[in-house]
């Protein structure tokens, strides 16, 4: 596979994971929201693919675990039967 494609895949995954974290910190997504979980899952998948093709096995392991944690969150959400919403705004009282 062309090395530039592998780099685009890795950077795309990095952007997804960072965007998910930014949206969590700005309370636009909650930690159990489907968007947050999917962004983390696909971001980790893309970073893991890049790492695999570049021979960075510790990063492959880390991103595999990240994907498993995201799937755990999805399964937990489905089992609870609740649709997750963004975190409520903090109260200043």
PDB file of N, CA and C in Angstrom:
ATOM      1  N   UNK A   1       0.852  -1.176   0.000  1.00  0.00           N
ATOM      2  CA  UNK A   1       0.000   0.000   0.000  1.00  0.00           C
ATOM      3  C   UNK A   1       0.898   1.240   0.000  1.00  0.00           C
ATOM      4  N   UNK A   2       0.503   2.263  -0.714  1.00  0.00           N
ATOM      5  CA  UNK A   2       1.307   3.478  -0.814  1.00  0.00           C
ATOM      6  C   UNK A   2       1.497   4.107   0.569  1.00  0.00           C
ATOM      7  N   UNK A   3       2.729   4.536   0.836  1.00  0.00           N
ATOM      8  CA  UNK A   3       3.025   5.073   2.167  1.00  0.00           C
ATOM      9  C   UNK A   3       2.227   6.339   2.460  1.00  0.00           C
ATOM     10  N   UNK A   4       1.912   7.140   1.464  1.00  0.00           N
ATOM     11  CA  UNK A   4       1.150   8.362   1.721  1.00  0.00           C
ATOM     12  C   UNK A   4      -0.265   8.032   2.174  1.00  0.00           C
ATOM     13  N   UNK A   5      -0.821   6.925   1.668  1.00  0.00           N
ATOM     14  CA  UNK A   5      -2.163   6.514   2.095  1.00  0.00           C
ATOM     15  C   UNK A   5      -2.136   6.129   3.569  1.00  0.00           C
ATOM     16  N   UNK A   6      -1.103   5.394   3.956  1.00  0.00           N
ATOM     17  CA  UNK A   6      -0.958   4.982   5.358  1.00  0.00           C
ATOM     18  C   UNK A   6      -0.832   6.212   6.254  1.00  0.00           C
ATOM     19  N   UNK A   7      -0.101   7.214   5.804  1.00  0.00           N
ATOM     20  CA  UNK A   7       0.049   8.437   6.599  1.00  0.00           C
ATOM     21  C   UNK A   7      -1.267   9.192   6.712  1.00  0.00           C
ATOM     22  N   UNK A   8      -2.026   9.285   5.625  1.00  0.00           N
ATOM     23  CA  UNK A   8      -3.329   9.951   5.663  1.00  0.00           C
ATOM     24  C   UNK A   8      -4.264   9.211   6.619  1.00  0.00           C
ATOM     25  N   UNK A   9      -4.233   7.883   6.576  1.00  0.00           N
ATOM     26  CA  UNK A   9      -5.061   7.070   7.478  1.00  0.00           C
ATOM     27  C   UNK A   9      -4.702   7.375   8.933  1.00  0.00           C
ATOM     28  N   UNK A  10      -3.420   7.396   9.240  1.00  0.00           N
ATOM     29  CA  UNK A  10      -2.982   7.663  10.616  1.00  0.00           C
ATOM     30  C   UNK A  10      -3.342   9.055  11.096  1.00  0.00           C
ATOM     31  N   UNK A  11      -3.114  10.053  10.250  1.00  0.00           N
ATOM     32  CA  UNK A  11      -3.446  11.427  10.639  1.00  0.00           C
ATOM     33  C   UNK A  11      -4.951  11.621  10.764  1.00  0.00           C
ATOM     34  N   UNK A  12      -5.721  10.938   9.933  1.00  0.00           N
ATOM     35  CA  UNK A  12      -7.186  11.024  10.034  1.00  0.00           C
ATOM     36  C   UNK A  12      -7.659  10.449  11.367  1.00  0.00           C
ATOM     37  N   UNK A  13      -7.080   9.319  11.756  1.00  0.00           N
ATOM     38  CA  UNK A  13      -7.417   8.723  13.045  1.00  0.00           C
ATOM     39  C   UNK A  13      -7.042   9.625  14.203  1.00  0.00           C
ATOM     40  N   UNK A  14      -5.882  10.241  14.106  1.00  0.00           N
ATOM     41  CA  UNK A  14      -5.441  11.168  15.145  1.00  0.00           C
ATOM     42  C   UNK A  14      -6.405  12.341  15.258  1.00  0.00           C
ATOM     43  N   UNK A  15      -6.818  12.879  14.124  1.00  0.00           N
ATOM     44  CA  UNK A  15      -7.762  13.996  14.124  1.00  0.00           C
ATOM     45  C   UNK A  15      -9.090  13.588  14.761  1.00  0.00           C
ATOM     46  N   UNK A  16      -9.565  12.376  14.463  1.00  0.00           N
ATOM     47  CA  UNK A  16     -10.833  11.905  15.041  1.00  0.00           C
ATOM     48  C   UNK A  16     -10.756  11.787  16.559  1.00  0.00           C
ATOM     49  N   UNK A  17      -9.695  11.186  17.063  1.00  0.00           N
ATOM     50  CA  UNK A  17      -9.548  11.005  18.508  1.00  0.00           C
ATOM     51  C   UNK A  17      -9.427  12.367  19.208  1.00  0.00           C
ATOM     52  N   UNK A  18      -8.638  13.262  18.624  1.00  0.00           N
ATOM     53  CA  UNK A  18      -8.496  14.588  19.230  1.00  0.00           C
ATOM     54  C   UNK A  18      -9.795  15.388  19.164  1.00  0.00           C
ATOM     55  N   UNK A  19     -10.516  15.284  18.058  1.00  0.00           N
ATOM     56  CA  UNK A  19     -11.791  15.979  17.944  1.00  0.00           C
ATOM     57  C   UNK A  19     -12.792  15.442  18.969  1.00  0.00           C
ATOM     58  N   UNK A  20     -12.819  14.127  19.144  1.00  0.00           N
ATOM     59  CA  UNK A  20     -13.708  13.526  20.145  1.00  0.00           C
ATOM     60  C   UNK A  20     -13.391  14.072  21.529  1.00  0.00           C
ATOM     61  N   UNK A  21     -12.106  14.157  21.850  1.00  0.00           N
ATOM     62  CA  UNK A  21     -11.699  14.662  23.164  1.00  0.00           C
ATOM     63  C   UNK A  21     -12.063  16.137  23.322  1.00  0.00           C
ATOM     64  N   UNK A  22     -11.850  16.924  22.278  1.00  0.00           N
ATOM     65  CA  UNK A  22     -12.216  18.339  22.318  1.00  0.00           C
ATOM     66  C   UNK A  22     -13.720  18.495  22.533  1.00  0.00           C
ATOM     67  N   UNK A  23     -14.525  17.737  21.804  1.00  0.00           N
ATOM     68  CA  UNK A  23     -15.980  17.826  21.943  1.00  0.00           C
ATOM     69  C   UNK A  23     -16.438  17.376  23.324  1.00  0.00           C
ATOM     70  N   UNK A  24     -15.739  16.418  23.908  1.00  0.00           N
ATOM     71  CA  UNK A  24     -16.040  16.004  25.276  1.00  0.00           C
ATOM     72  C   UNK A  24     -15.722  17.128  26.258  1.00  0.00           C
ATOM     73  N   UNK A  25     -14.555  17.731  26.117  1.00  0.00           N
ATOM     74  CA  UNK A  25     -14.126  18.779  27.044  1.00  0.00           C
ATOM     75  C   UNK A  25     -14.981  20.039  26.938  1.00  0.00           C
ATOM     76  N   UNK A  26     -15.511  20.309  25.752  1.00  0.00           N
ATOM     77  CA  UNK A  26     -16.368  21.486  25.571  1.00  0.00           C
ATOM     78  C   UNK A  26     -17.831  21.143  25.807  1.00  0.00           C
ATOM     79  N   UNK A  27     -18.071  19.926  26.273  1.00  0.00           N
ATOM     80  CA  UNK A  27     -19.409  19.436  26.628  1.00  0.00           C
ATOM     81  C   UNK A  27     -20.387  19.428  25.463  1.00  0.00           C
ATOM     82  N   UNK A  28     -19.855  19.264  24.265  1.00  0.00           N
ATOM     83  CA  UNK A  28     -20.729  19.100  23.109  1.00  0.00           C
ATOM     84  C   UNK A  28     -21.091  17.632  22.918  1.00  0.00           C
ATOM     85  N   UNK A  29     -20.293  16.756  23.521  1.00  0.00           N
ATOM     86  CA  UNK A  29     -20.588  15.325  23.546  1.00  0.00           C
ATOM     87  C   UNK A  29     -20.405  14.822  24.966  1.00  0.00           C
ATOM     88  N   UNK A  30     -21.206  13.843  25.339  1.00  0.00           N
ATOM     89  CA  UNK A  30     -21.039  13.196  26.634  1.00  0.00           C
ATOM     90  C   UNK A  30     -20.118  11.990  26.485  1.00  0.00           C
ATOM     91  N   UNK A  31     -19.553  11.512  27.573  1.00  0.00           N
ATOM     92  CA  UNK A  31     -18.611  10.389  27.500  1.00  0.00           C
ATOM     93  C   UNK A  31     -19.244   9.080  27.043  1.00  0.00           C
ATOM     94  N   UNK A  32     -20.559   8.974  27.097  1.00  0.00           N
ATOM     95  CA  UNK A  32     -21.236   7.763  26.648  1.00  0.00           C
ATOM     96  C   UNK A  32     -22.039   7.985  25.368  1.00  0.00           C
ATOM     97  N   UNK A  33     -21.858   9.133  24.726  1.00  0.00           N
ATOM     98  CA  UNK A  33     -22.611   9.400  23.498  1.00  0.00           C
ATOM     99  C   UNK A  33     -22.092   8.516  22.372  1.00  0.00           C
ATOM    100  N   UNK A  34     -23.008   8.144  21.488  1.00  0.00           N
ATOM    101  CA  UNK A  34     -22.623   7.295  20.356  1.00  0.00           C
ATOM    102  C   UNK A  34     -21.572   7.968  19.496  1.00  0.00           C
ATOM    103  N   UNK A  35     -21.711   9.263  19.256  1.00  0.00           N
ATOM    104  CA  UNK A  35     -20.741   9.973  18.415  1.00  0.00           C
ATOM    105  C   UNK A  35     -19.347   9.901  19.032  1.00  0.00           C
ATOM    106  N   UNK A  36     -19.252  10.131  20.329  1.00  0.00           N
ATOM    107  CA  UNK A  36     -17.962  10.083  21.017  1.00  0.00           C
ATOM    108  C   UNK A  36     -17.352   8.677  20.936  1.00  0.00           C
ATOM    109  N   UNK A  37     -18.165   7.677  21.200  1.00  0.00           N
ATOM    110  CA  UNK A  37     -17.664   6.301  21.186  1.00  0.00           C
ATOM    111  C   UNK A  37     -17.224   5.880  19.790  1.00  0.00           C
ATOM    112  N   UNK A  38     -18.015   6.208  18.767  1.00  0.00           N
ATOM    113  CA  UNK A  38     -17.648   5.850  17.390  1.00  0.00           C
ATOM    114  C   UNK A  38     -16.423   6.614  16.923  1.00  0.00           C
ATOM    115  N   UNK A  39     -16.308   7.877  17.288  1.00  0.00           N
ATOM    116  CA  UNK A  39     -15.124   8.648  16.901  1.00  0.00           C
ATOM    117  C   UNK A  39     -13.870   8.033  17.513  1.00  0.00           C
ATOM    118  N   UNK A  40     -13.961   7.614  18.761  1.00  0.00           N
ATOM    119  CA  UNK A  40     -12.820   6.960  19.404  1.00  0.00           C
ATOM    120  C   UNK A  40     -12.521   5.612  18.756  1.00  0.00           C
ATOM    121  N   UNK A  41     -13.558   4.840  18.463  1.00  0.00           N
ATOM    122  CA  UNK A  41     -13.360   3.530  17.841  1.00  0.00           C
ATOM    123  C   UNK A  41     -12.674   3.663  16.484  1.00  0.00           C
ATOM    124  N   UNK A  42     -13.240   4.484  15.604  1.00  0.00           N
ATOM    125  CA  UNK A  42     -12.669   4.610  14.264  1.00  0.00           C
ATOM    126  C   UNK A  42     -11.323   5.325  14.278  1.00  0.00           C
ATOM    127  N   UNK A  43     -11.166   6.289  15.167  1.00  0.00           N
ATOM    128  CA  UNK A  43      -9.868   6.938  15.293  1.00  0.00           C
ATOM    129  C   UNK A  43      -8.796   5.945  15.694  1.00  0.00           C
ATOM    130  N   UNK A  44      -9.100   5.119  16.687  1.00  0.00           N
ATOM    131  CA  UNK A  44      -8.148   4.104  17.136  1.00  0.00           C
ATOM    132  C   UNK A  44      -7.880   3.075  16.044  1.00  0.00           C
ATOM    133  N   UNK A  45      -8.905   2.705  15.297  1.00  0.00           N
ATOM    134  CA  UNK A  45      -8.726   1.763  14.187  1.00  0.00           C
ATOM    135  C   UNK A  45      -7.754   2.326  13.155  1.00  0.00           C
ATOM    136  N   UNK A  46      -7.961   3.578  12.778  1.00  0.00           N
ATOM    137  CA  UNK A  46      -7.097   4.190  11.759  1.00  0.00           C
ATOM    138  C   UNK A  46      -5.666   4.367  12.257  1.00  0.00           C
ATOM    139  N   UNK A  47      -5.514   4.807  13.503  1.00  0.00           N
ATOM    140  CA  UNK A  47      -4.168   4.940  14.068  1.00  0.00           C
ATOM    141  C   UNK A  47      -3.514   3.560  14.178  1.00  0.00           C
ATOM    142  N   UNK A  48      -4.304   2.563  14.592  1.00  0.00           N
ATOM    143  CA  UNK A  48      -3.778   1.200  14.704  1.00  0.00           C
ATOM    144  C   UNK A  48      -3.310   0.651  13.362  1.00  0.00           C
ATOM    145  N   UNK A  49      -4.058   0.919  12.305  1.00  0.00           N
ATOM    146  CA  UNK A  49      -3.641   0.482  10.963  1.00  0.00           C
ATOM    147  C   UNK A  49      -2.331   1.150  10.558  1.00  0.00           C
ATOM    148  N   UNK A  50      -2.240   2.448  10.798  1.00  0.00           N
ATOM    149  CA  UNK A  50      -1.013   3.166  10.489  1.00  0.00           C
ATOM    150  C   UNK A  50       0.155   2.577  11.280  1.00  0.00           C
ATOM    151  N   UNK A  51      -0.069   2.323  12.546  1.00  0.00           N
ATOM    152  CA  UNK A  51       0.977   1.776  13.408  1.00  0.00           C
ATOM    153  C   UNK A  51       1.407   0.392  12.940  1.00  0.00           C
ATOM    154  N   UNK A  52       0.447  -0.427  12.555  1.00  0.00           N
ATOM    155  CA  UNK A  52       0.751  -1.773  12.081  1.00  0.00           C
ATOM    156  C   UNK A  52       1.645  -1.719  10.838  1.00  0.00           C
ATOM    157  N   UNK A  53       1.259  -0.900   9.881  1.00  0.00           N
ATOM    158  CA  UNK A  53       2.037  -0.810   8.643  1.00  0.00           C
ATOM    159  C   UNK A  53       3.395  -0.165   8.852  1.00  0.00           C
ATOM    160  N   UNK A  54       3.546   0.600   9.928  1.00  0.00           N
ATOM    161  CA  UNK A  54       4.838   1.204  10.250  1.00  0.00           C
ATOM    162  C   UNK A  54       5.627   0.380  11.270  1.00  0.00           C
ATOM    163  N   UNK A  55       5.092  -0.775  11.673  1.00  0.00           N
ATOM    164  CA  UNK A  55       5.794  -1.665  12.589  1.00  0.00           C
ATOM    165  C   UNK A  55       5.837  -1.192  14.025  1.00  0.00           C
ATOM    166  N   UNK A  56       4.932  -0.324  14.417  1.00  0.00           N
ATOM    167  CA  UNK A  56       4.899   0.196  15.785  1.00  0.00           C
ATOM    168  C   UNK A  56       3.915  -0.637  16.607  1.00  0.00           C
ATOM    169  N   UNK A  57       4.346  -1.815  17.017  1.00  0.00           N
ATOM    170  CA  UNK A  57       3.454  -2.760  17.690  1.00  0.00           C
ATOM    171  C   UNK A  57       2.921  -2.278  19.036  1.00  0.00           C
ATOM    172  N   UNK A  58       3.681  -1.538  19.849  1.00  0.00           N
ATOM    173  CA  UNK A  58       3.079  -1.025  21.087  1.00  0.00           C
ATOM    174  C   UNK A  58       1.885  -0.105  20.803  1.00  0.00           C
ATOM    175  N   UNK A  59       1.973   0.697  19.756  1.00  0.00           N
ATOM    176  CA  UNK A  59       0.859   1.563  19.392  1.00  0.00           C
ATOM    177  C   UNK A  59      -0.321   0.758  18.863  1.00  0.00           C
ATOM    178  N   UNK A  60      -0.041  -0.342  18.170  1.00  0.00           N
ATOM    179  CA  UNK A  60      -1.120  -1.237  17.726  1.00  0.00           C
ATOM    180  C   UNK A  60      -1.849  -1.788  18.942  1.00  0.00           C
ATOM    181  N   UNK A  61      -1.097  -2.215  19.956  1.00  0.00           N
ATOM    182  CA  UNK A  61      -1.707  -2.759  21.170  1.00  0.00           C
ATOM    183  C   UNK A  61      -2.542  -1.696  21.884  1.00  0.00           C
ATOM    184  N   UNK A  62      -1.999  -0.490  22.023  1.00  0.00           N
ATOM    185  CA  UNK A  62      -2.721   0.594  22.686  1.00  0.00           C
ATOM    186  C   UNK A  62      -4.026   0.892  21.962  1.00  0.00           C
ATOM    187  N   UNK A  63      -3.982   1.008  20.654  1.00  0.00           N
ATOM    188  CA  UNK A  63      -5.172   1.356  19.895  1.00  0.00           C
ATOM    189  C   UNK A  63      -6.168   0.210  19.825  1.00  0.00           C
ATOM    190  N   UNK A  64      -5.696  -1.011  19.897  1.00  0.00           N
ATOM    191  CA  UNK A  64      -6.607  -2.157  19.986  1.00  0.00           C
ATOM    192  C   UNK A  64      -7.378  -2.094  21.302  1.00  0.00           C
ATOM    193  N   UNK A  65      -6.667  -1.785  22.385  1.00  0.00           N
ATOM    194  CA  UNK A  65      -7.328  -1.645  23.687  1.00  0.00           C
ATOM    195  C   UNK A  65      -8.316  -0.480  23.650  1.00  0.00           C
ATOM    196  N   UNK A  66      -7.956   0.612  23.003  1.00  0.00           N
ATOM    197  CA  UNK A  66      -8.835   1.782  22.885  1.00  0.00           C
ATOM    198  C   UNK A  66     -10.127   1.390  22.174  1.00  0.00           C
ATOM    199  N   UNK A  67     -10.008   0.581  21.132  1.00  0.00           N
ATOM    200  CA  UNK A  67     -11.182   0.111  20.396  1.00  0.00           C
ATOM    201  C   UNK A  67     -12.058  -0.780  21.276  1.00  0.00           C
ATOM    202  N   UNK A  68     -11.451  -1.668  22.037  1.00  0.00           N
ATOM    203  CA  UNK A  68     -12.202  -2.563  22.921  1.00  0.00           C
ATOM    204  C   UNK A  68     -12.964  -1.741  23.960  1.00  0.00           C
ATOM    205  N   UNK A  69     -12.321  -0.717  24.501  1.00  0.00           N
ATOM    206  CA  UNK A  69     -12.987   0.135  25.489  1.00  0.00           C
ATOM    207  C   UNK A  69     -14.173   0.861  24.856  1.00  0.00           C
ATOM    208  N   UNK A  70     -14.019   1.330  23.631  1.00  0.00           N
ATOM    209  CA  UNK A  70     -15.129   1.994  22.939  1.00  0.00           C
ATOM    210  C   UNK A  70     -16.279   1.025  22.714  1.00  0.00           C
ATOM    211  N   UNK A  71     -15.961  -0.202  22.310  1.00  0.00           N
ATOM    212  CA  UNK A  71     -17.008  -1.211  22.104  1.00  0.00           C
ATOM    213  C   UNK A  71     -17.694  -1.524  23.429  1.00  0.00           C
ATOM    214  N   UNK A  72     -16.927  -1.612  24.505  1.00  0.00           N
ATOM    215  CA  UNK A  72     -17.513  -1.827  25.833  1.00  0.00           C
ATOM    216  C   UNK A  72     -18.532  -0.730  26.139  1.00  0.00           C
ATOM    217  N   UNK A  73     -18.176   0.522  25.870  1.00  0.00           N
ATOM    218  CA  UNK A  73     -19.097   1.629  26.103  1.00  0.00           C
ATOM    219  C   UNK A  73     -20.360   1.511  25.267  1.00  0.00           C
ATOM    220  N   UNK A  74     -20.211   1.057  24.024  1.00  0.00           N
ATOM    221  CA  UNK A  74     -21.370   0.885  23.148  1.00  0.00           C
ATOM    222  C   UNK A  74     -22.294  -0.219  23.658  1.00  0.00           C
ATOM    223  N   UNK A  75     -21.698  -1.331  24.054  1.00  0.00           N
ATOM    224  CA  UNK A  75     -22.489  -2.453  24.572  1.00  0.00           C
ATOM    225  C   UNK A  75     -23.204  -2.044  25.851  1.00  0.00           C
ATOM    226  N   UNK A  76     -22.501  -1.360  26.729  1.00  0.00           N
ATOM    227  CA  UNK A  76     -23.101  -0.892  27.978  1.00  0.00           C
ATOM    228  C   UNK A  76     -24.275   0.044  27.695  1.00  0.00           C
ATOM    229  N   UNK A  77     -24.122   0.913  26.711  1.00  0.00           N
ATOM    230  CA  UNK A  77     -25.181   1.842  26.351  1.00  0.00           C
ATOM    231  C   UNK A  77     -26.405   1.111  25.799  1.00  0.00           C
ATOM    232  N   UNK A  78     -26.175   0.121  24.950  1.00  0.00           N
ATOM    233  CA  UNK A  78     -27.285  -0.654  24.381  1.00  0.00           C
ATOM    234  C   UNK A  78     -28.010  -1.429  25.474  1.00  0.00           C
ATOM    235  N   UNK A  79     -27.245  -2.041  26.360  1.00  0.00           N
ATOM    236  CA  UNK A  79     -27.860  -2.830  27.441  1.00  0.00           C
ATOM    237  C   UNK A  79     -28.668  -1.978  28.402  1.00  0.00           C
ATOM    238  N   UNK A  80     -28.239  -0.729  28.595  1.00  0.00           N
ATOM    239  CA  UNK A  80     -28.984   0.140  29.504  1.00  0.00           C
ATOM    240  C   UNK A  80     -30.246   0.675  28.840  1.00  0.00           C
ATOM    241  N   UNK A  81     -30.313   0.600  27.509  1.00  0.00           N
ATOM    242  CA  UNK A  81     -31.488   1.060  26.778  1.00  0.00           C
ATOM    243  C   UNK A  81     -31.649   2.557  26.756  1.00  0.00           C
ATOM    244  N   UNK A  82     -30.599   3.261  27.072  1.00  0.00           N
ATOM    245  CA  UNK A  82     -30.667   4.717  27.123  1.00  0.00           C
ATOM    246  C   UNK A  82     -29.888   5.318  25.958  1.00  0.00           C
ATOM    247  N   UNK A  83     -30.438   6.381  25.415  1.00  0.00           N
ATOM    248  CA  UNK A  83     -29.708   7.170  24.430  1.00  0.00           C
ATOM    249  C   UNK A  83     -28.947   8.229  25.202  1.00  0.00           C
ATOM    250  N   UNK A  84     -27.679   8.293  24.991  1.00  0.00           N
ATOM    251  CA  UNK A  84     -26.831   9.234  25.744  1.00  0.00           C
ATOM    252  C   UNK A  84     -26.840  10.608  25.089  1.00  0.00           C
ATOM    253  N   UNK A  85     -26.930  11.614  25.909  1.00  0.00           N
ATOM    254  CA  UNK A  85     -26.938  12.996  25.469  1.00  0.00           C
ATOM    255  C   UNK A  85     -25.656  13.664  25.947  1.00  0.00           C
ATOM    256  N   UNK A  86     -25.349  14.852  25.401  1.00  0.00           N
ATOM    257  CA  UNK A  86     -24.188  15.585  25.918  1.00  0.00           C
ATOM    258  C   UNK A  86     -24.331  15.838  27.417  1.00  0.00           C
ATOM    259  N   UNK A  87     -23.195  15.978  28.063  1.00  0.00           N
ATOM    260  CA  UNK A  87     -23.199  16.244  29.498  1.00  0.00           C
ATOM    261  C   UNK A  87     -23.897  17.565  29.769  1.00  0.00           C
ATOM    262  N   UNK A  88     -24.655  17.652  30.866  1.00  0.00           N
ATOM    263  CA  UNK A  88     -25.334  18.921  31.180  1.00  0.00           C
ATOM    264  C   UNK A  88     -24.312  19.993  31.535  1.00  0.00           C
ATOM    265  N   UNK A  89     -24.663  21.257  31.298  1.00  0.00           N
ATOM    266  CA  UNK A  89     -23.746  22.348  31.666  1.00  0.00           C
ATOM    267  C   UNK A  89     -23.523  22.366  33.169  1.00  0.00           C
ATOM    268  N   UNK A  90     -22.333  22.796  33.551  1.00  0.00           N
ATOM    269  CA  UNK A  90     -22.022  22.869  34.980  1.00  0.00           C
ATOM    270  C   UNK A  90     -22.785  24.014  35.625  1.00  0.00           C
ATOM    271  N   UNK A  91     -23.218  23.777  36.841  1.00  0.00           N
ATOM    272  CA  UNK A  91     -23.909  24.816  37.604  1.00  0.00           C
ATOM    273  C   UNK A  91     -22.890  25.615  38.390  1.00  0.00           C
ATOM    274  N   UNK A  92     -23.046  26.925  38.403  1.00  0.00           N
ATOM    275  CA  UNK A  92     -22.118  27.792  39.153  1.00  0.00           C
ATOM    276  C   UNK A  92     -22.689  28.221  40.495  1.00  0.00           C
ATOM    277  N   UNK A  93     -23.601  27.422  41.047  1.00  0.00           N
ATOM    278  CA  UNK A  93     -24.188  27.804  42.328  1.00  0.00           C
ATOM    279  C   UNK A  93     -23.492  27.184  43.481  1.00  0.00           C
TER     280      UNK A  93
END
